[in-house]
N, C-alpha and C. Protein backbone atom coordinates (compact mmCIF):
# COMPACT_ATOMS: atom_id res chain seq x y z
N MET A 1 37.68 -64.76 -0.51
CA MET A 1 38.65 -64.92 -0.02
C MET A 1 37.83 -64.69 1.73
N PRO A 2 37.83 -64.97 2.80
CA PRO A 2 37.58 -64.71 3.43
C PRO A 2 37.41 -64.04 4.10
N ALA A 3 36.82 -63.28 4.77
CA ALA A 3 36.29 -61.72 5.24
C ALA A 3 37.83 -61.00 6.68
N ASN A 4 37.79 -60.59 7.28
CA ASN A 4 39.46 -60.24 7.66
C ASN A 4 40.33 -60.82 7.58
N VAL A 5 41.04 -60.76 6.66
CA VAL A 5 42.15 -61.67 6.89
C VAL A 5 42.88 -60.81 7.02
N PRO A 6 44.42 -60.90 8.14
CA PRO A 6 45.06 -59.94 8.10
C PRO A 6 46.09 -59.81 7.34
N ASP A 7 46.05 -59.19 6.47
CA ASP A 7 47.45 -58.76 5.07
C ASP A 7 48.63 -59.37 5.35
N ILE A 8 49.22 -59.38 7.03
CA ILE A 8 50.37 -60.40 7.11
C ILE A 8 49.98 -62.04 7.17
N VAL A 9 48.87 -62.45 6.90
CA VAL A 9 48.67 -64.00 6.74
C VAL A 9 48.56 -64.23 5.56
N ILE A 10 48.20 -62.69 4.14
CA ILE A 10 48.35 -62.99 2.95
C ILE A 10 50.06 -62.78 2.66
N GLY A 11 50.35 -62.47 3.18
CA GLY A 11 51.63 -62.45 2.43
C GLY A 11 52.35 -63.10 3.16
N ARG A 12 52.03 -64.24 3.97
CA ARG A 12 52.74 -65.46 4.03
C ARG A 12 52.64 -66.69 3.12
N LEU A 13 51.51 -66.48 2.95
CA LEU A 13 50.62 -67.94 1.62
C LEU A 13 52.01 -67.66 0.56
N PRO A 14 52.65 -66.75 -0.21
CA PRO A 14 53.49 -67.42 -1.21
C PRO A 14 54.40 -67.94 -0.96
N VAL A 15 54.87 -67.86 0.51
CA VAL A 15 55.98 -68.29 1.43
C VAL A 15 55.47 -70.11 1.28
N TYR A 16 54.83 -69.57 2.07
CA TYR A 16 54.43 -71.04 1.98
C TYR A 16 54.24 -72.30 1.14
N LEU A 17 53.63 -71.12 -0.69
CA LEU A 17 53.47 -72.08 -1.32
C LEU A 17 54.65 -72.91 -2.33
N ARG A 18 55.72 -71.62 -1.84
CA ARG A 18 57.44 -71.92 -3.00
C ARG A 18 57.65 -72.41 -1.52
N ALA A 19 57.69 -73.04 0.02
CA ALA A 19 57.96 -74.24 -0.07
C ALA A 19 57.74 -75.59 -0.09
N LEU A 20 56.00 -75.45 -0.12
CA LEU A 20 55.41 -76.78 -0.77
C LEU A 20 55.79 -76.97 -2.24
N GLU A 21 56.19 -76.41 -2.55
CA GLU A 21 57.10 -76.43 -4.39
C GLU A 21 57.95 -77.18 -4.35
N HIS A 22 58.78 -76.32 -3.56
CA HIS A 22 60.12 -77.31 -3.13
C HIS A 22 60.00 -78.74 -2.74
N LEU A 23 59.50 -78.95 -1.93
CA LEU A 23 58.90 -80.40 -1.13
C LEU A 23 58.63 -81.30 -2.69
N LEU A 24 57.96 -81.08 -3.06
CA LEU A 24 57.57 -81.60 -4.24
C LEU A 24 58.76 -81.75 -5.38
N LYS A 25 59.03 -80.87 -5.76
CA LYS A 25 60.42 -80.81 -6.62
C LYS A 25 61.68 -81.81 -5.82
N GLY A 26 61.29 -81.79 -4.46
CA GLY A 26 61.89 -83.46 -3.68
C GLY A 26 61.90 -84.73 -4.05
N GLY A 27 60.45 -84.53 -4.19
CA GLY A 27 59.89 -86.25 -4.15
C GLY A 27 59.11 -86.43 -3.02
N HIS A 28 58.58 -85.56 -1.90
CA HIS A 28 58.15 -85.50 -0.53
C HIS A 28 56.63 -85.10 -1.49
N GLU A 29 55.65 -85.95 -0.88
CA GLU A 29 53.72 -86.09 -0.32
C GLU A 29 53.46 -85.88 0.58
N ILE A 30 53.75 -85.80 1.54
CA ILE A 30 54.14 -85.24 3.46
C ILE A 30 54.48 -83.87 3.70
N THR A 31 53.76 -83.47 4.45
CA THR A 31 54.65 -82.87 5.44
C THR A 31 54.07 -82.20 6.35
N SER A 32 54.48 -81.65 7.21
CA SER A 32 53.40 -81.23 8.98
C SER A 32 53.48 -79.43 8.82
N SER A 33 53.16 -78.91 9.86
CA SER A 33 53.82 -77.44 10.09
C SER A 33 54.31 -77.50 10.42
N GLN A 34 54.79 -78.54 11.54
CA GLN A 34 56.70 -78.44 12.14
C GLN A 34 57.20 -77.85 11.21
N GLU A 35 57.74 -79.06 10.16
CA GLU A 35 58.31 -79.12 9.48
C GLU A 35 58.67 -77.92 8.56
N LEU A 36 57.05 -77.64 8.22
CA LEU A 36 57.26 -76.01 7.56
C LEU A 36 58.11 -74.83 8.10
N GLY A 37 57.36 -75.32 9.36
CA GLY A 37 58.04 -74.12 10.13
C GLY A 37 59.74 -74.06 10.87
N GLU A 38 60.32 -75.11 10.53
CA GLU A 38 61.14 -74.86 10.26
C GLU A 38 62.01 -74.88 9.64
N GLN A 39 61.58 -75.00 8.35
CA GLN A 39 62.38 -74.79 7.26
C GLN A 39 62.15 -73.48 6.96
N LEU A 40 60.95 -72.57 7.18
CA LEU A 40 60.69 -71.11 7.01
C LEU A 40 61.30 -70.20 8.28
N GLY A 41 60.98 -70.72 9.21
CA GLY A 41 61.68 -70.42 10.51
C GLY A 41 60.34 -69.43 11.03
N TYR A 42 59.51 -70.69 11.50
CA TYR A 42 57.66 -69.78 11.14
C TYR A 42 57.66 -70.97 12.36
N SER A 43 56.75 -70.87 13.68
CA SER A 43 56.71 -71.77 14.70
C SER A 43 55.24 -72.53 13.81
N ALA A 44 55.07 -73.76 14.13
CA ALA A 44 53.97 -74.65 13.62
C ALA A 44 52.81 -73.93 13.63
N ALA A 45 52.37 -73.57 15.41
CA ALA A 45 51.25 -72.64 15.70
C ALA A 45 50.91 -71.49 14.63
N GLN A 46 51.78 -71.12 14.33
CA GLN A 46 51.36 -69.78 13.29
C GLN A 46 50.83 -70.29 12.37
N ILE A 47 51.82 -71.18 11.34
CA ILE A 47 50.90 -72.43 10.27
C ILE A 47 50.00 -72.03 10.22
N ARG A 48 49.76 -73.44 11.79
CA ARG A 48 48.41 -73.92 11.26
C ARG A 48 47.35 -72.99 11.46
N LYS A 49 47.27 -71.44 12.89
CA LYS A 49 46.67 -71.03 12.43
C LYS A 49 45.92 -69.64 10.95
N ASP A 50 47.48 -69.81 10.49
CA ASP A 50 47.39 -69.10 8.87
C ASP A 50 46.38 -69.82 8.14
N LEU A 51 46.72 -70.75 8.46
CA LEU A 51 45.83 -71.67 6.95
C LEU A 51 44.55 -71.88 7.65
N SER A 52 44.08 -71.78 9.25
CA SER A 52 42.54 -72.10 9.32
C SER A 52 42.02 -71.09 9.28
N PHE A 53 43.09 -69.94 8.11
CA PHE A 53 41.25 -69.35 7.78
C PHE A 53 40.69 -69.25 6.50
N PHE A 54 41.46 -70.05 6.16
CA PHE A 54 41.16 -70.84 4.80
C PHE A 54 40.58 -72.37 4.89
N GLY A 55 40.36 -73.06 5.99
CA GLY A 55 39.38 -74.11 6.06
C GLY A 55 41.24 -75.60 7.24
N GLU A 56 39.99 -76.71 6.77
CA GLU A 56 40.97 -77.50 7.30
C GLU A 56 41.68 -78.74 6.28
N PHE A 57 43.54 -78.25 5.99
CA PHE A 57 43.93 -78.71 5.19
C PHE A 57 44.70 -80.05 5.17
N GLY A 58 44.31 -79.98 6.56
CA GLY A 58 45.49 -81.86 6.90
C GLY A 58 44.81 -82.19 8.59
N LYS A 59 45.48 -84.01 8.31
CA LYS A 59 44.46 -84.29 10.16
C LYS A 59 45.53 -84.82 10.81
N GLN A 60 45.56 -84.00 11.93
CA GLN A 60 46.40 -84.23 13.62
C GLN A 60 46.61 -85.54 13.34
N GLY A 61 47.97 -85.69 12.87
CA GLY A 61 49.00 -86.95 13.37
C GLY A 61 49.70 -87.64 11.82
N THR A 62 48.61 -87.21 11.41
CA THR A 62 49.43 -87.23 9.62
C THR A 62 49.93 -86.25 8.75
N GLY A 63 49.53 -85.23 9.26
CA GLY A 63 49.52 -83.56 8.10
C GLY A 63 49.53 -83.62 7.52
N TYR A 64 50.09 -82.72 6.36
CA TYR A 64 49.56 -81.86 4.95
C TYR A 64 49.79 -83.36 4.36
N ARG A 65 48.89 -83.38 2.58
CA ARG A 65 49.39 -84.03 1.25
C ARG A 65 49.70 -82.47 0.60
N ILE A 66 51.01 -82.46 0.27
CA ILE A 66 51.75 -81.23 0.22
C ILE A 66 50.97 -81.09 -1.41
N SER A 67 50.76 -82.17 -2.53
CA SER A 67 50.14 -81.17 -3.84
C SER A 67 48.58 -80.85 -3.50
N HIS A 68 47.73 -81.69 -2.41
CA HIS A 68 46.80 -80.97 -2.16
C HIS A 68 46.78 -79.48 -1.77
N LEU A 69 47.50 -79.36 -0.64
CA LEU A 69 47.78 -78.16 0.28
C LEU A 69 48.26 -77.07 -0.90
N ALA A 70 49.42 -77.56 -1.87
CA ALA A 70 49.77 -76.28 -2.87
C ALA A 70 48.57 -75.53 -3.75
N GLN A 71 47.98 -77.02 -4.16
CA GLN A 71 46.80 -76.47 -4.78
C GLN A 71 45.80 -75.77 -4.52
N GLU A 72 45.30 -75.80 -3.12
CA GLU A 72 44.96 -75.30 -2.96
C GLU A 72 44.78 -73.38 -2.38
N LEU A 73 46.65 -73.44 -2.37
CA LEU A 73 47.26 -72.29 -1.65
C LEU A 73 47.35 -71.38 -3.32
N ARG A 74 47.60 -72.43 -4.19
CA ARG A 74 46.66 -71.47 -5.29
C ARG A 74 45.93 -71.08 -5.55
N LYS A 75 44.97 -71.71 -5.21
CA LYS A 75 43.21 -71.03 -6.00
C LYS A 75 42.88 -69.80 -5.25
N ILE A 76 43.43 -70.11 -3.45
CA ILE A 76 43.53 -68.78 -2.37
C ILE A 76 43.93 -67.59 -3.52
N LEU A 77 45.27 -67.74 -3.68
CA LEU A 77 46.02 -66.90 -4.42
C LEU A 77 45.47 -66.35 -5.93
N HIS A 78 44.69 -67.13 -6.57
CA HIS A 78 44.46 -67.32 -7.21
C HIS A 78 45.67 -66.92 -8.31
N VAL A 79 46.71 -67.89 -8.19
CA VAL A 79 47.66 -67.71 -8.91
C VAL A 79 47.63 -69.71 -9.44
N ASP A 80 46.67 -69.80 -10.26
CA ASP A 80 46.10 -71.03 -10.65
C ASP A 80 45.74 -70.89 -11.93
N ARG A 81 45.91 -69.57 -12.51
CA ARG A 81 45.42 -69.00 -13.41
C ARG A 81 46.95 -68.35 -14.52
N GLU A 82 46.54 -67.75 -15.14
CA GLU A 82 47.83 -67.27 -16.17
C GLU A 82 47.35 -65.53 -15.41
N TRP A 83 48.63 -64.54 -15.36
CA TRP A 83 48.17 -62.74 -15.31
C TRP A 83 48.33 -62.43 -15.86
N PRO A 84 47.97 -61.62 -17.38
CA PRO A 84 48.30 -60.53 -18.15
C PRO A 84 49.22 -59.58 -17.43
N VAL A 85 50.34 -58.95 -17.83
CA VAL A 85 51.03 -57.97 -16.60
C VAL A 85 50.81 -56.83 -17.75
N VAL A 86 51.43 -55.72 -17.27
CA VAL A 86 51.56 -54.43 -17.93
C VAL A 86 52.90 -54.35 -17.36
N LEU A 87 54.05 -53.24 -18.00
CA LEU A 87 55.40 -53.29 -17.35
C LEU A 87 55.33 -51.49 -18.08
N VAL A 88 55.26 -50.73 -17.00
CA VAL A 88 55.82 -48.89 -17.22
C VAL A 88 56.92 -48.86 -16.78
N GLY A 89 58.50 -49.05 -17.80
CA GLY A 89 59.21 -48.25 -17.36
C GLY A 89 60.27 -49.01 -17.74
N VAL A 90 61.01 -48.55 -19.43
CA VAL A 90 61.97 -50.11 -19.97
C VAL A 90 63.32 -49.34 -19.85
N GLY A 91 64.03 -48.90 -18.60
CA GLY A 91 65.00 -48.86 -18.40
C GLY A 91 65.97 -50.00 -18.07
N ALA A 92 67.41 -49.89 -17.08
CA ALA A 92 67.83 -51.21 -17.06
C ALA A 92 66.92 -52.02 -16.38
N LEU A 93 66.24 -51.56 -14.68
CA LEU A 93 65.20 -52.40 -14.23
C LEU A 93 64.84 -53.09 -15.55
N GLY A 94 63.68 -52.16 -15.63
CA GLY A 94 62.82 -52.77 -16.95
C GLY A 94 63.12 -53.52 -18.05
N HIS A 95 64.25 -53.90 -18.66
CA HIS A 95 64.82 -54.69 -18.94
C HIS A 95 64.59 -55.85 -18.90
N ALA A 96 65.65 -55.68 -16.93
CA ALA A 96 65.88 -57.23 -16.46
C ALA A 96 64.51 -57.71 -16.22
N LEU A 97 63.92 -57.16 -15.49
CA LEU A 97 62.23 -57.79 -15.50
C LEU A 97 61.61 -58.43 -16.53
N VAL A 98 61.75 -57.94 -17.38
CA VAL A 98 61.14 -58.15 -18.39
C VAL A 98 61.75 -59.76 -19.07
N ARG A 99 62.79 -59.85 -19.18
CA ARG A 99 63.91 -61.05 -19.52
C ARG A 99 63.97 -62.29 -17.45
N TYR A 100 63.36 -61.58 -16.84
CA TYR A 100 63.62 -62.83 -15.53
C TYR A 100 62.06 -63.90 -15.91
N GLY A 101 62.79 -64.76 -15.46
CA GLY A 101 62.09 -66.21 -16.16
C GLY A 101 61.82 -66.96 -14.82
N GLY A 102 61.04 -65.99 -13.40
CA GLY A 102 60.58 -66.62 -12.63
C GLY A 102 59.41 -65.91 -12.86
N PHE A 103 58.71 -65.43 -13.10
CA PHE A 103 56.96 -64.72 -13.33
C PHE A 103 56.43 -66.21 -13.14
N LYS A 104 56.86 -66.20 -15.34
CA LYS A 104 56.62 -67.00 -15.38
C LYS A 104 55.19 -68.29 -14.89
N PRO A 105 56.21 -69.42 -14.53
CA PRO A 105 55.73 -70.13 -13.47
C PRO A 105 55.12 -69.96 -11.93
N LYS A 106 54.81 -68.81 -12.03
CA LYS A 106 54.34 -68.19 -10.29
C LYS A 106 52.79 -68.21 -11.20
N GLY A 107 52.87 -68.04 -12.73
CA GLY A 107 51.25 -67.84 -13.75
C GLY A 107 51.23 -65.92 -13.41
N PHE A 108 52.15 -65.11 -13.68
CA PHE A 108 52.31 -63.86 -14.19
C PHE A 108 52.86 -63.82 -15.29
N THR A 109 52.74 -63.39 -16.46
CA THR A 109 53.50 -62.78 -17.99
C THR A 109 53.12 -61.57 -18.15
N ILE A 110 54.69 -60.94 -18.39
CA ILE A 110 54.19 -59.52 -18.77
C ILE A 110 53.91 -59.48 -20.57
N VAL A 111 53.24 -58.59 -20.64
CA VAL A 111 52.75 -58.98 -22.29
C VAL A 111 52.91 -58.21 -22.99
N SER A 112 52.89 -56.57 -22.55
CA SER A 112 52.87 -55.41 -22.88
C SER A 112 54.63 -54.65 -21.94
N ALA A 113 55.14 -53.37 -22.75
CA ALA A 113 55.73 -52.91 -22.22
C ALA A 113 55.71 -52.02 -22.76
N PHE A 114 55.73 -50.44 -21.51
CA PHE A 114 55.38 -48.99 -22.59
C PHE A 114 56.56 -47.77 -22.00
N ASP A 115 57.17 -47.19 -22.66
CA ASP A 115 58.14 -45.99 -21.72
C ASP A 115 57.66 -44.69 -22.51
N SER A 116 57.99 -43.28 -22.10
CA SER A 116 57.35 -42.27 -22.63
C SER A 116 58.82 -41.50 -22.81
N ASP A 117 60.10 -42.34 -23.15
CA ASP A 117 61.16 -41.59 -23.58
C ASP A 117 61.02 -42.34 -25.36
N ALA A 118 60.96 -41.10 -26.32
CA ALA A 118 60.76 -41.50 -27.70
C ALA A 118 61.85 -42.65 -28.34
N SER A 119 63.21 -42.56 -27.52
CA SER A 119 64.14 -43.02 -28.01
C SER A 119 63.54 -45.17 -27.90
N LYS A 120 62.89 -45.00 -26.80
CA LYS A 120 62.95 -46.51 -26.79
C LYS A 120 61.96 -47.26 -27.38
N VAL A 121 61.07 -45.92 -26.98
CA VAL A 121 59.63 -46.97 -28.20
C VAL A 121 59.99 -47.24 -29.76
N GLY A 122 59.57 -48.72 -29.68
CA GLY A 122 59.78 -49.47 -31.27
C GLY A 122 60.94 -50.18 -30.44
N GLN A 123 61.93 -50.46 -30.03
CA GLN A 123 62.79 -51.18 -29.86
C GLN A 123 62.31 -52.29 -29.52
N ARG A 124 63.33 -53.72 -29.19
CA ARG A 124 62.49 -54.70 -28.80
C ARG A 124 63.44 -54.96 -27.28
N VAL A 125 62.50 -55.50 -27.02
CA VAL A 125 63.29 -56.35 -25.11
C VAL A 125 62.89 -57.08 -25.62
N GLY A 126 63.44 -58.12 -25.14
CA GLY A 126 63.31 -60.35 -25.09
C GLY A 126 61.95 -60.11 -25.95
N ALA A 127 60.41 -60.98 -25.82
CA ALA A 127 59.38 -60.57 -26.88
C ALA A 127 58.72 -59.82 -27.51
N LEU A 128 59.30 -58.89 -26.51
CA LEU A 128 58.07 -57.53 -26.37
C LEU A 128 58.75 -56.89 -27.37
N VAL A 129 58.24 -55.41 -27.91
CA VAL A 129 58.08 -54.43 -28.11
C VAL A 129 57.94 -53.11 -28.06
N VAL A 130 58.68 -52.28 -27.11
CA VAL A 130 58.09 -50.78 -26.41
C VAL A 130 56.91 -50.21 -27.19
N GLN A 131 56.06 -50.22 -26.25
CA GLN A 131 55.00 -49.61 -26.78
C GLN A 131 54.82 -47.70 -26.37
N ASP A 132 54.41 -46.42 -27.22
CA ASP A 132 54.76 -45.63 -26.56
C ASP A 132 53.38 -45.02 -25.47
N MET A 133 53.44 -44.30 -24.50
CA MET A 133 52.86 -44.41 -23.48
C MET A 133 51.15 -43.93 -23.73
N ASP A 134 51.05 -43.84 -24.57
CA ASP A 134 49.58 -42.81 -25.28
C ASP A 134 48.57 -44.25 -25.60
N LYS A 135 49.13 -45.25 -25.81
CA LYS A 135 48.83 -46.23 -25.87
C LYS A 135 48.25 -47.25 -24.87
N LEU A 136 48.92 -46.67 -23.57
CA LEU A 136 48.63 -47.43 -22.69
C LEU A 136 46.97 -48.04 -22.40
N ALA A 137 46.73 -47.00 -21.72
CA ALA A 137 45.21 -47.14 -21.51
C ALA A 137 44.57 -48.27 -22.44
N SER A 138 44.39 -47.97 -23.95
CA SER A 138 43.37 -48.93 -25.00
C SER A 138 44.36 -50.13 -24.87
N GLU A 139 45.64 -50.82 -24.40
CA GLU A 139 46.05 -51.93 -24.91
C GLU A 139 45.59 -52.87 -23.42
N ILE A 140 45.49 -52.07 -22.14
CA ILE A 140 44.84 -52.48 -21.01
C ILE A 140 43.28 -53.03 -21.34
N ALA A 141 42.96 -52.44 -21.76
CA ALA A 141 41.54 -52.05 -22.09
C ALA A 141 41.22 -53.89 -22.84
N ARG A 142 42.43 -54.19 -24.26
CA ARG A 142 42.54 -54.84 -24.94
C ARG A 142 42.68 -56.51 -24.00
N ILE A 143 43.54 -56.19 -23.32
CA ILE A 143 44.25 -57.60 -23.05
C ILE A 143 43.22 -57.79 -21.27
N GLY A 144 42.73 -56.94 -21.32
CA GLY A 144 42.00 -57.36 -20.26
C GLY A 144 43.00 -56.87 -18.84
N ALA A 145 43.76 -56.11 -18.65
CA ALA A 145 44.81 -57.19 -17.92
C ALA A 145 44.38 -56.16 -16.03
N GLN A 146 44.86 -56.42 -15.34
CA GLN A 146 44.56 -55.76 -13.99
C GLN A 146 45.78 -55.59 -13.24
N ILE A 147 46.63 -55.85 -13.73
CA ILE A 147 47.55 -56.05 -13.17
C ILE A 147 48.91 -55.38 -13.50
N ALA A 148 49.76 -54.33 -12.73
CA ALA A 148 50.93 -53.19 -13.50
C ALA A 148 52.47 -53.48 -12.24
N ILE A 149 53.63 -53.47 -13.30
CA ILE A 149 54.55 -52.98 -12.63
C ILE A 149 54.99 -51.73 -13.19
N ILE A 150 55.20 -51.02 -12.17
CA ILE A 150 56.28 -49.46 -13.06
C ILE A 150 57.35 -49.99 -12.00
N ALA A 151 58.03 -49.08 -13.05
CA ALA A 151 59.73 -49.42 -12.94
C ALA A 151 60.01 -48.16 -13.51
N THR A 152 59.56 -46.99 -13.48
CA THR A 152 60.01 -45.83 -14.13
C THR A 152 61.07 -44.70 -12.55
N PRO A 153 61.69 -43.78 -13.15
CA PRO A 153 62.03 -42.96 -12.08
C PRO A 153 60.76 -42.53 -10.82
N ALA A 154 60.89 -41.75 -9.52
CA ALA A 154 60.56 -41.85 -8.66
C ALA A 154 59.61 -40.23 -9.47
N ALA A 155 60.32 -39.83 -9.81
CA ALA A 155 59.02 -37.97 -10.36
C ALA A 155 58.03 -38.41 -11.23
N THR A 156 58.47 -39.64 -12.03
CA THR A 156 56.85 -39.71 -12.82
C THR A 156 56.26 -41.01 -12.51
N ALA A 157 56.25 -41.90 -11.56
CA ALA A 157 55.68 -42.76 -11.01
C ALA A 157 54.04 -42.21 -10.28
N GLN A 158 54.15 -41.34 -10.24
CA GLN A 158 53.19 -40.78 -9.44
C GLN A 158 51.90 -40.95 -10.68
N GLU A 159 52.22 -40.18 -11.84
CA GLU A 159 51.74 -40.00 -13.02
C GLU A 159 51.39 -41.25 -13.64
N VAL A 160 51.68 -41.99 -13.61
CA VAL A 160 52.14 -43.45 -14.51
C VAL A 160 51.09 -44.43 -13.79
N ALA A 161 50.62 -44.03 -11.96
CA ALA A 161 49.61 -45.05 -11.22
C ALA A 161 48.65 -43.97 -11.06
N ASN A 162 47.86 -42.78 -11.95
CA ASN A 162 47.35 -42.33 -12.33
C ASN A 162 46.78 -42.76 -13.68
N THR A 163 47.23 -43.25 -14.54
CA THR A 163 47.01 -43.29 -15.61
C THR A 163 46.50 -45.08 -15.80
N LEU A 164 47.71 -45.56 -14.75
CA LEU A 164 47.37 -46.93 -14.28
C LEU A 164 45.84 -47.77 -13.86
N ALA A 165 45.61 -46.36 -12.80
CA ALA A 165 44.23 -46.82 -12.10
C ALA A 165 43.15 -46.59 -13.01
N LYS A 166 43.39 -44.87 -13.34
CA LYS A 166 42.17 -44.69 -14.76
C LYS A 166 41.90 -46.39 -15.45
N ALA A 167 42.61 -46.53 -16.04
CA ALA A 167 42.89 -47.96 -16.96
C ALA A 167 42.03 -49.16 -17.18
N GLY A 168 42.21 -48.53 -15.12
CA GLY A 168 41.56 -50.26 -14.58
C GLY A 168 42.46 -51.52 -13.74
N ILE A 169 43.27 -50.78 -14.30
CA ILE A 169 44.48 -51.21 -12.83
C ILE A 169 44.32 -51.85 -11.58
N GLN A 170 43.38 -52.66 -10.85
CA GLN A 170 43.62 -52.91 -9.61
C GLN A 170 44.48 -53.41 -8.67
N ALA A 171 45.37 -53.76 -9.61
CA ALA A 171 47.20 -54.15 -8.95
C ALA A 171 47.81 -54.05 -8.97
N ILE A 172 49.56 -52.96 -8.28
CA ILE A 172 50.72 -52.66 -8.83
C ILE A 172 51.78 -52.79 -8.21
N LEU A 173 52.76 -53.58 -8.67
CA LEU A 173 54.35 -53.50 -8.08
C LEU A 173 54.99 -52.04 -8.20
N ASN A 174 55.61 -51.99 -7.53
CA ASN A 174 56.51 -50.12 -7.71
C ASN A 174 57.60 -50.66 -7.41
N TYR A 175 58.38 -50.63 -8.21
CA TYR A 175 59.79 -49.86 -8.37
C TYR A 175 60.16 -49.12 -8.09
N ALA A 176 59.58 -48.19 -8.15
CA ALA A 176 59.92 -46.14 -7.68
C ALA A 176 60.54 -46.23 -6.29
N PRO A 177 61.21 -45.85 -6.37
CA PRO A 177 61.81 -45.41 -4.88
C PRO A 177 60.77 -44.63 -4.08
N ILE A 178 59.35 -44.56 -4.47
CA ILE A 178 58.56 -43.30 -3.77
C ILE A 178 57.22 -44.12 -3.65
N SER A 179 56.75 -43.20 -2.81
CA SER A 179 55.25 -43.92 -2.48
C SER A 179 53.71 -43.41 -3.00
N ILE A 180 53.42 -43.95 -3.43
CA ILE A 180 52.27 -43.44 -4.42
C ILE A 180 51.12 -43.56 -4.21
N THR A 181 50.21 -42.63 -4.51
CA THR A 181 48.88 -42.31 -4.36
C THR A 181 47.83 -43.33 -4.96
N VAL A 182 46.79 -43.81 -4.56
CA VAL A 182 46.14 -44.13 -5.72
C VAL A 182 44.11 -44.84 -4.79
N PRO A 183 43.95 -44.70 -6.04
CA PRO A 183 42.27 -45.35 -5.58
C PRO A 183 42.12 -45.86 -4.18
N LYS A 184 40.93 -46.07 -3.66
CA LYS A 184 40.22 -46.98 -2.65
C LYS A 184 40.01 -48.26 -3.65
N GLY A 185 40.51 -49.24 -3.45
CA GLY A 185 40.72 -50.68 -4.30
C GLY A 185 41.78 -51.35 -4.95
N VAL A 186 42.24 -50.44 -5.17
CA VAL A 186 44.01 -50.26 -5.99
C VAL A 186 44.78 -50.58 -4.97
N ARG A 187 45.22 -52.18 -4.58
CA ARG A 187 46.51 -52.53 -4.19
C ARG A 187 48.08 -51.78 -4.92
N VAL A 188 48.89 -51.51 -3.68
CA VAL A 188 50.08 -51.18 -4.07
C VAL A 188 51.19 -52.30 -3.17
N GLN A 189 52.25 -53.12 -4.13
CA GLN A 189 53.33 -53.78 -3.22
C GLN A 189 54.68 -52.65 -3.62
N TYR A 190 54.91 -52.61 -2.28
CA TYR A 190 56.65 -51.54 -3.00
C TYR A 190 57.60 -53.05 -2.85
N VAL A 191 58.16 -52.62 -4.13
CA VAL A 191 59.80 -53.07 -3.79
C VAL A 191 60.57 -52.10 -3.82
N ASP A 192 61.77 -52.05 -2.82
CA ASP A 192 62.54 -51.19 -2.86
C ASP A 192 63.95 -51.73 -2.45
N PRO A 193 64.58 -52.38 -3.18
CA PRO A 193 66.14 -52.71 -2.55
C PRO A 193 66.77 -52.17 -1.12
N ALA A 194 66.30 -50.74 -1.29
CA ALA A 194 67.60 -49.81 -1.13
C ALA A 194 67.36 -49.60 0.69
N LEU A 195 66.14 -49.32 0.29
CA LEU A 195 65.16 -49.65 1.56
C LEU A 195 65.35 -50.96 2.37
N LEU A 196 64.84 -52.00 1.69
CA LEU A 196 65.22 -53.53 2.25
C LEU A 196 66.76 -53.29 2.82
N MET A 197 67.73 -53.22 2.11
CA MET A 197 68.81 -53.32 2.51
C MET A 197 69.31 -52.45 3.91
N GLN A 198 68.61 -51.03 3.95
CA GLN A 198 68.66 -50.08 5.44
C GLN A 198 68.79 -51.14 6.63
N ARG A 199 67.26 -51.81 6.53
CA ARG A 199 66.85 -52.30 7.64
C ARG A 199 67.47 -53.92 8.01
N LEU A 200 68.41 -54.51 7.15
CA LEU A 200 69.09 -55.27 7.27
C LEU A 200 70.23 -54.63 8.32
N THR A 201 70.61 -53.28 7.57
CA THR A 201 71.20 -53.07 8.43
C THR A 201 71.60 -52.88 9.87
N TYR A 202 69.76 -52.36 10.19
CA TYR A 202 69.91 -52.06 11.55
C TYR A 202 70.57 -53.03 12.85
N TYR A 203 70.95 -54.37 12.26
CA TYR A 203 70.91 -55.25 12.63
C TYR A 203 72.53 -55.91 12.86
N LEU A 204 73.51 -55.29 12.03
CA LEU A 204 74.75 -54.92 11.78
C LEU A 204 75.51 -54.75 12.78
């Protein structure tokens, strides 16, 4: 990855990729930064600037070939392959995440699920059997997972994050409503619907 790419730019790339995939499904072959900007609420200049961090993908006056740009963005985001993901926490949210069909088309598959509740261990959730937390580190090593999802209560999220980091996980998607501390080199992305709702109500 090019050096010094702002994180906010990386955050917009999946949005661009999703828009391109939607255009492809609609039978489109060529698009422009102006067209993408109108769809996404960004300026054409912003899109061109973001893409320029990674090279030149279009020609002035002719726009972008959608299939090529989508392929390049998949490479940049490293989603031109399938990533195995481990899930910790198999409550109501964990059940929903296992059954969610949107991960696999984007390059992610939840391959293992874990919980510390003995009553849940051994239960089947979708195609997975819930495993005991004692097996977490060995399973991560076995499958070579680098990504994990935390869907536990807030009280246990930090302990889980510690275990995941020690086991070699490098990226965590955290649904627990709490900020966690991780070693340098481990990235965390937070998903807290309540916080997002509070952000929305500011404008109401």
